[in-house]
Every structure is written in C-alpha cells, then in structure tokens.
C-alpha atoms as a PDB file:
ATOM      1  CA  UNK A   1      -6.603  12.240  70.104  1.00  0.00           C
ATOM      2  CA  UNK A   2      -5.454  15.691  69.083  1.00  0.00           C
ATOM      3  CA  UNK A   3      -3.652  15.720  65.533  1.00  0.00           C
ATOM      4  CA  UNK A   4      -1.762  18.802  66.170  1.00  0.00           C
ATOM      5  CA  UNK A   5       0.039  17.405  69.290  1.00  0.00           C
ATOM      6  CA  UNK A   6       0.814  14.298  67.009  1.00  0.00           C
ATOM      7  CA  UNK A   7       2.127  16.526  64.397  1.00  0.00           C
ATOM      8  CA  UNK A   8       4.202  18.240  66.760  1.00  0.00           C
ATOM      9  CA  UNK A   9       6.114  15.008  67.921  1.00  0.00           C
ATOM     10  CA  UNK A  10       6.942  14.298  64.547  1.00  0.00           C
ATOM     11  CA  UNK A  11       8.417  17.394  63.861  1.00  0.00           C
ATOM     12  CA  UNK A  12      10.324  17.176  67.213  1.00  0.00           C
ATOM     13  CA  UNK A  13      11.511  13.670  66.108  1.00  0.00           C
ATOM     14  CA  UNK A  14      13.892  14.914  63.421  1.00  0.00           C
ATOM     15  CA  UNK A  15      15.507  16.600  66.406  1.00  0.00           C
ATOM     16  CA  UNK A  16      15.369  14.143  68.999  1.00  0.00           C
ATOM     17  CA  UNK A  17      18.419  11.813  69.642  1.00  0.00           C
ATOM     18  CA  UNK A  18      18.589   8.253  70.830  1.00  0.00           C
ATOM     19  CA  UNK A  19      21.120   6.582  72.908  1.00  0.00           C
ATOM     20  CA  UNK A  20      21.553   3.258  72.147  1.00  0.00           C
ATOM     21  CA  UNK A  21      24.591   0.928  73.229  1.00  0.00           C
ATOM     22  CA  UNK A  22      26.554   4.016  74.026  1.00  0.00           C
ATOM     23  CA  UNK A  23      25.859   6.140  70.992  1.00  0.00           C
ATOM     24  CA  UNK A  24      23.836   8.872  70.330  1.00  0.00           C
ATOM     25  CA  UNK A  25      22.049   8.576  67.368  1.00  0.00           C
ATOM     26  CA  UNK A  26      19.355  11.155  65.339  1.00  0.00           C
ATOM     27  CA  UNK A  27      16.379   9.969  63.484  1.00  0.00           C
ATOM     28  CA  UNK A  28      18.236  10.724  60.438  1.00  0.00           C
ATOM     29  CA  UNK A  29      21.314   8.497  61.262  1.00  0.00           C
ATOM     30  CA  UNK A  30      18.710   5.432  62.084  1.00  0.00           C
ATOM     31  CA  UNK A  31      17.101   6.141  58.525  1.00  0.00           C
ATOM     32  CA  UNK A  32      20.439   6.097  56.722  1.00  0.00           C
ATOM     33  CA  UNK A  33      21.647   2.949  58.946  1.00  0.00           C
ATOM     34  CA  UNK A  34      18.626   1.009  57.762  1.00  0.00           C
ATOM     35  CA  UNK A  35      18.793   2.256  53.940  1.00  0.00           C
ATOM     36  CA  UNK A  36      22.491   1.359  54.179  1.00  0.00           C
ATOM     37  CA  UNK A  37      21.626  -2.002  55.820  1.00  0.00           C
ATOM     38  CA  UNK A  38      18.737  -2.753  52.865  1.00  0.00           C
ATOM     39  CA  UNK A  39      21.496  -1.816  50.498  1.00  0.00           C
ATOM     40  CA  UNK A  40      23.649  -4.580  51.833  1.00  0.00           C
ATOM     41  CA  UNK A  41      20.981  -7.053  51.972  1.00  0.00           C
ATOM     42  CA  UNK A  42      19.443  -7.119  48.992  1.00  0.00           C
ATOM     43  CA  UNK A  43      23.017  -6.945  47.253  1.00  0.00           C
ATOM     44  CA  UNK A  44      23.791 -10.021  49.144  1.00  0.00           C
ATOM     45  CA  UNK A  45      20.398 -11.283  47.678  1.00  0.00           C
ATOM     46  CA  UNK A  46      21.352 -10.524  44.378  1.00  0.00           C
ATOM     47  CA  UNK A  47      24.494 -11.713  44.455  1.00  0.00           C
ATOM     48  CA  UNK A  48      23.261 -14.968  45.788  1.00  0.00           C
ATOM     49  CA  UNK A  49      20.363 -15.469  42.836  1.00  0.00           C
ATOM     50  CA  UNK A  50      23.085 -14.399  40.288  1.00  0.00           C
ATOM     51  CA  UNK A  51      25.244 -17.167  41.785  1.00  0.00           C
ATOM     52  CA  UNK A  52      22.484 -19.838  41.682  1.00  0.00           C
ATOM     53  CA  UNK A  53      22.054 -18.994  37.766  1.00  0.00           C
ATOM     54  CA  UNK A  54      25.590 -19.351  37.210  1.00  0.00           C
ATOM     55  CA  UNK A  55      25.765 -22.836  38.724  1.00  0.00           C
ATOM     56  CA  UNK A  56      22.563 -23.706  36.761  1.00  0.00           C
ATOM     57  CA  UNK A  57      24.472 -22.708  33.307  1.00  0.00           C
ATOM     58  CA  UNK A  58      27.958 -24.318  34.839  1.00  0.00           C
ATOM     59  CA  UNK A  59      25.834 -27.405  35.378  1.00  0.00           C
ATOM     60  CA  UNK A  60      24.317 -27.800  32.029  1.00  0.00           C
ATOM     61  CA  UNK A  61      25.202 -30.743  29.978  1.00  0.00           C
ATOM     62  CA  UNK A  62      26.470 -28.921  26.627  1.00  0.00           C
ATOM     63  CA  UNK A  63      26.674 -32.429  24.902  1.00  0.00           C
ATOM     64  CA  UNK A  64      23.157 -32.623  24.499  1.00  0.00           C
ATOM     65  CA  UNK A  65      22.714 -29.277  23.382  1.00  0.00           C
ATOM     66  CA  UNK A  66      25.107 -29.665  21.055  1.00  0.00           C
ATOM     67  CA  UNK A  67      23.565 -33.197  19.788  1.00  0.00           C
ATOM     68  CA  UNK A  68      20.269 -30.846  19.543  1.00  0.00           C
ATOM     69  CA  UNK A  69      22.502 -28.551  17.487  1.00  0.00           C
ATOM     70  CA  UNK A  70      23.631 -31.061  14.937  1.00  0.00           C
ATOM     71  CA  UNK A  71      20.303 -32.624  14.927  1.00  0.00           C
ATOM     72  CA  UNK A  72      18.654 -29.484  13.932  1.00  0.00           C
ATOM     73  CA  UNK A  73      21.428 -28.731  11.342  1.00  0.00           C
ATOM     74  CA  UNK A  74      21.114 -32.240   9.664  1.00  0.00           C
ATOM     75  CA  UNK A  75      17.443 -31.283   9.395  1.00  0.00           C
ATOM     76  CA  UNK A  76      17.863 -27.935   8.193  1.00  0.00           C
ATOM     77  CA  UNK A  77      20.791 -29.688   5.504  1.00  0.00           C
ATOM     78  CA  UNK A  78      18.291 -32.057   4.789  1.00  0.00           C
ATOM     79  CA  UNK A  79      15.630 -29.521   4.050  1.00  0.00           C
ATOM     80  CA  UNK A  80      17.847 -27.318   2.127  1.00  0.00           C
ATOM     81  CA  UNK A  81      18.845 -30.164  -0.120  1.00  0.00           C
ATOM     82  CA  UNK A  82      15.052 -30.843  -0.693  1.00  0.00           C
ATOM     83  CA  UNK A  83      14.526 -27.507  -1.216  1.00  0.00           C
ATOM     84  CA  UNK A  84      17.386 -27.409  -4.024  1.00  0.00           C
ATOM     85  CA  UNK A  85      15.901 -30.148  -5.490  1.00  0.00           C
ATOM     86  CA  UNK A  86      12.327 -29.326  -5.510  1.00  0.00           C
ATOM     87  CA  UNK A  87      13.847 -25.891  -7.625  1.00  0.00           C
ATOM     88  CA  UNK A  88      16.013 -27.909  -9.967  1.00  0.00           C
ATOM     89  CA  UNK A  89      12.597 -30.293 -10.608  1.00  0.00           C
ATOM     90  CA  UNK A  90      10.547 -27.060 -11.253  1.00  0.00           C
ATOM     91  CA  UNK A  91      13.166 -25.727 -13.574  1.00  0.00           C
ATOM     92  CA  UNK A  92      13.364 -28.929 -15.510  1.00  0.00           C
ATOM     93  CA  UNK A  93       9.372 -28.479 -15.448  1.00  0.00           C
ATOM     94  CA  UNK A  94       9.580 -24.786 -16.751  1.00  0.00           C
ATOM     95  CA  UNK A  95      12.184 -25.441 -19.416  1.00  0.00           C
ATOM     96  CA  UNK A  96      10.117 -28.530 -20.530  1.00  0.00           C
ATOM     97  CA  UNK A  97       6.740 -26.689 -20.804  1.00  0.00           C
ATOM     98  CA  UNK A  98       8.583 -23.765 -22.506  1.00  0.00           C
ATOM     99  CA  UNK A  99      10.036 -26.303 -25.399  1.00  0.00           C
ATOM    100  CA  UNK A 100       6.434 -27.809 -25.381  1.00  0.00           C
ATOM    101  CA  UNK A 101       5.006 -24.633 -26.436  1.00  0.00           C
ATOM    102  CA  UNK A 102       7.283 -23.124 -28.971  1.00  0.00           C
ATOM    103  CA  UNK A 103       6.659 -26.879 -30.560  1.00  0.00           C
ATOM    104  CA  UNK A 104       3.102 -26.332 -30.512  1.00  0.00           C
ATOM    105  CA  UNK A 105       3.317 -22.701 -31.866  1.00  0.00           C
ATOM    106  CA  UNK A 106       5.361 -24.104 -34.961  1.00  0.00           C
ATOM    107  CA  UNK A 107       3.217 -26.721 -35.629  1.00  0.00           C
ATOM    108  CA  UNK A 108       0.146 -24.338 -35.297  1.00  0.00           C
ATOM    109  CA  UNK A 109       1.959 -22.021 -37.382  1.00  0.00           C
ATOM    110  CA  UNK A 110       2.546 -24.777 -39.989  1.00  0.00           C
ATOM    111  CA  UNK A 111      -1.081 -25.815 -39.970  1.00  0.00           C
ATOM    112  CA  UNK A 112      -2.118 -22.290 -40.415  1.00  0.00           C
ATOM    113  CA  UNK A 113       0.232 -22.306 -43.441  1.00  0.00           C
ATOM    114  CA  UNK A 114      -1.213 -25.447 -44.566  1.00  0.00           C
ATOM    115  CA  UNK A 115      -4.711 -24.171 -44.380  1.00  0.00           C
ATOM    116  CA  UNK A 116      -4.006 -20.976 -46.161  1.00  0.00           C
ATOM    117  CA  UNK A 117      -2.796 -23.100 -49.177  1.00  0.00           C
ATOM    118  CA  UNK A 118      -5.959 -25.271 -49.192  1.00  0.00           C
ATOM    119  CA  UNK A 119      -8.268 -22.201 -48.955  1.00  0.00           C
ATOM    120  CA  UNK A 120      -6.427 -21.017 -52.268  1.00  0.00           C
ATOM    121  CA  UNK A 121      -6.454 -23.999 -53.933  1.00  0.00           C
ATOM    122  CA  UNK A 122     -10.441 -24.104 -53.205  1.00  0.00           C
ATOM    123  CA  UNK A 123     -10.839 -20.878 -54.026  1.00  0.00           C
ATOM    124  CA  UNK A 124      -8.807 -21.172 -57.609  1.00  0.00           C
ATOM    125  CA  UNK A 125     -10.951 -24.364 -58.150  1.00  0.00           C
ATOM    126  CA  UNK A 126     -14.133 -22.723 -57.589  1.00  0.00           C
ATOM    127  CA  UNK A 127     -13.308 -19.787 -59.557  1.00  0.00           C
ATOM    128  CA  UNK A 128     -12.072 -22.175 -62.476  1.00  0.00           C
ATOM    129  CA  UNK A 129     -15.604 -24.372 -61.909  1.00  0.00           C
ATOM    130  CA  UNK A 130     -17.559 -20.926 -62.355  1.00  0.00           C
ATOM    131  CA  UNK A 131     -15.870 -20.281 -65.633  1.00  0.00           C
ATOM    132  CA  UNK A 132     -16.252 -23.534 -66.975  1.00  0.00           C
ATOM    133  CA  UNK A 133     -19.591 -23.696 -66.039  1.00  0.00           C
ATOM    134  CA  UNK A 134     -20.302 -20.244 -67.301  1.00  0.00           C
ATOM    135  CA  UNK A 135     -18.851 -21.499 -70.429  1.00  0.00           C
ATOM    136  CA  UNK A 136     -20.855 -24.322 -70.319  1.00  0.00           C
ATOM    137  CA  UNK A 137     -24.086 -22.206 -69.800  1.00  0.00           C
ATOM    138  CA  UNK A 138     -23.318 -19.927 -72.865  1.00  0.00           C
ATOM    139  CA  UNK A 139     -22.674 -22.983 -75.331  1.00  0.00           C
ATOM    140  CA  UNK A 140     -25.985 -24.657 -73.801  1.00  0.00           C
ATOM    141  CA  UNK A 141     -27.845 -21.632 -74.439  1.00  0.00           C
ATOM    142  CA  UNK A 142     -26.159 -21.119 -77.851  1.00  0.00           C
ATOM    143  CA  UNK A 143     -26.860 -24.672 -78.834  1.00  0.00           C
ATOM    144  CA  UNK A 144     -30.489 -24.251 -77.408  1.00  0.00           C
ATOM    145  CA  UNK A 145     -30.939 -20.834 -79.269  1.00  0.00           C
ATOM    146  CA  UNK A 146     -29.558 -22.909 -82.643  1.00  0.00           C
ATOM    147  CA  UNK A 147     -31.940 -25.547 -82.283  1.00  0.00           C
ATOM    148  CA  UNK A 148     -35.046 -23.066 -81.204  1.00  0.00           C
ATOM    149  CA  UNK A 149     -34.089 -21.283 -84.466  1.00  0.00           C
ATOM    150  CA  UNK A 150     -33.900 -24.724 -86.395  1.00  0.00           C
ATOM    151  CA  UNK A 151     -37.299 -26.040 -85.008  1.00  0.00           C
ATOM    152  CA  UNK A 152     -39.176 -22.916 -85.353  1.00  0.00           C
ATOM    153  CA  UNK A 153     -37.877 -22.873 -89.086  1.00  0.00           C
ATOM    154  CA  UNK A 154     -39.427 -26.711 -88.935  1.00  0.00           C
ATOM    155  CA  UNK A 155     -42.422 -25.276 -87.374  1.00  0.00           C
ATOM    156  CA  UNK A 156     -42.992 -22.471 -89.925  1.00  0.00           C
ATOM    157  CA  UNK A 157     -42.537 -24.557 -92.755  1.00  0.00           C
ATOM    158  CA  UNK A 158     -45.018 -27.357 -91.877  1.00  0.00           C
ATOM    159  CA  UNK A 159     -47.226 -24.091 -91.162  1.00  0.00           C
ATOM    160  CA  UNK A 160     -46.520 -22.718 -94.205  1.00  0.00           C
ATOM    161  CA  UNK A 161     -47.282 -25.764 -96.339  1.00  0.00           C
ATOM    162  CA  UNK A 162     -50.352 -26.814 -94.519  1.00  0.00           C
ATOM    163  CA  UNK A 163     -51.480 -23.290 -95.192  1.00  0.00           C
ATOM    164  CA  UNK A 164     -50.616 -23.723 -98.851  1.00  0.00           C
ATOM    165  CA  UNK A 165     -52.333 -26.940 -99.382  1.00  0.00           C
ATOM    166  CA  UNK A 166     -54.880 -27.625 -96.809  1.00  0.00           C
ATOM    167  CA  UNK A 167     -55.660 -30.784 -98.021  1.00  0.00           C
ATOM    168  CA  UNK A 168     -52.639 -32.358 -98.291  1.00  0.00           C
ATOM    169  CA  UNK A 169     -51.563 -34.454 -95.369  1.00  0.00           C
END
C-alpha cells in the first residue's frame, strides 16, 4: 500500500459528496449531523439521569429524616446540658479551691505570727537567763574570792602560830 494514495484519498474526501435518500451531503455536513445527533442523545441521557435522581429524592421518606434529625437534636441538647453542668461543677470546684487556699494562707500567716512571738519570748527568756547566770557567777566568784581570802588568812594564822611556837600544838 502506498501512503501517498491514502493521503490523496483523504484530501479528496472533504470535497467529495455523497448521495443518500435523495440528498447530496458532503463529508463536513455528515460530521456536523453526527455531532448534532450526539449532542441530542447526550442531552436526552443527561435528562433521563436527572429525572431518575429527582424521582429518587421525591420518593424519600422525609418523616424518617426528620425523626433522625430530632433524635440528633435531642442528643446534642443532652450533651450541651451535660457540658453546661460540667462547666458549672468545674466553676464550683474552682471557687471552693480558691476559698480553701485563701483560708490556708490566713492560717499560715497566723501560725507564722505565733512562731515569731514565741521566738521573741524565747530570746528574751534566754537573754534574761544569761544575765541571771552571769550575775550568779559573779556572786559565786566574789563569794569564793571572799571565802578563799578568809581561808588564806586562817591558814596564814595557823602557819604563823606554828612558826612562832613549833612545839605548841
């Protein structure tokens, strides 16, 4: 087969006319008629499919859908109420914790004040005791010093007497 002959036949096809049913038709007009018929058939098919969809929607039981929607609304309402209750409960807990914390802070402040007062009292008692102990030590020292002087004087006296009269005693 020669491809040039095929190409020449195709080129000549556009100019060629066909007779069918007493009408002369060119290749271009045949293609146009085929396109027109395809469009009409496609439109009819699309209309038929759309008609089926409309029939399907029209045949739906809207009551069942409404019931399902009502059930879902009831569930959502119930959930919303439970959420609201939970929020209220959480607020109550938060407020209770806040008041508990404030009460604990007040008690802690009172305990700290009591501890400071006790520390001050103990320091004063320790200072007073130190002063008394120091005074007591001083008295003991003075007393011992006096007793020691007296003892020393007695001892010196005895020693002197012994030296003065070695045979007496």
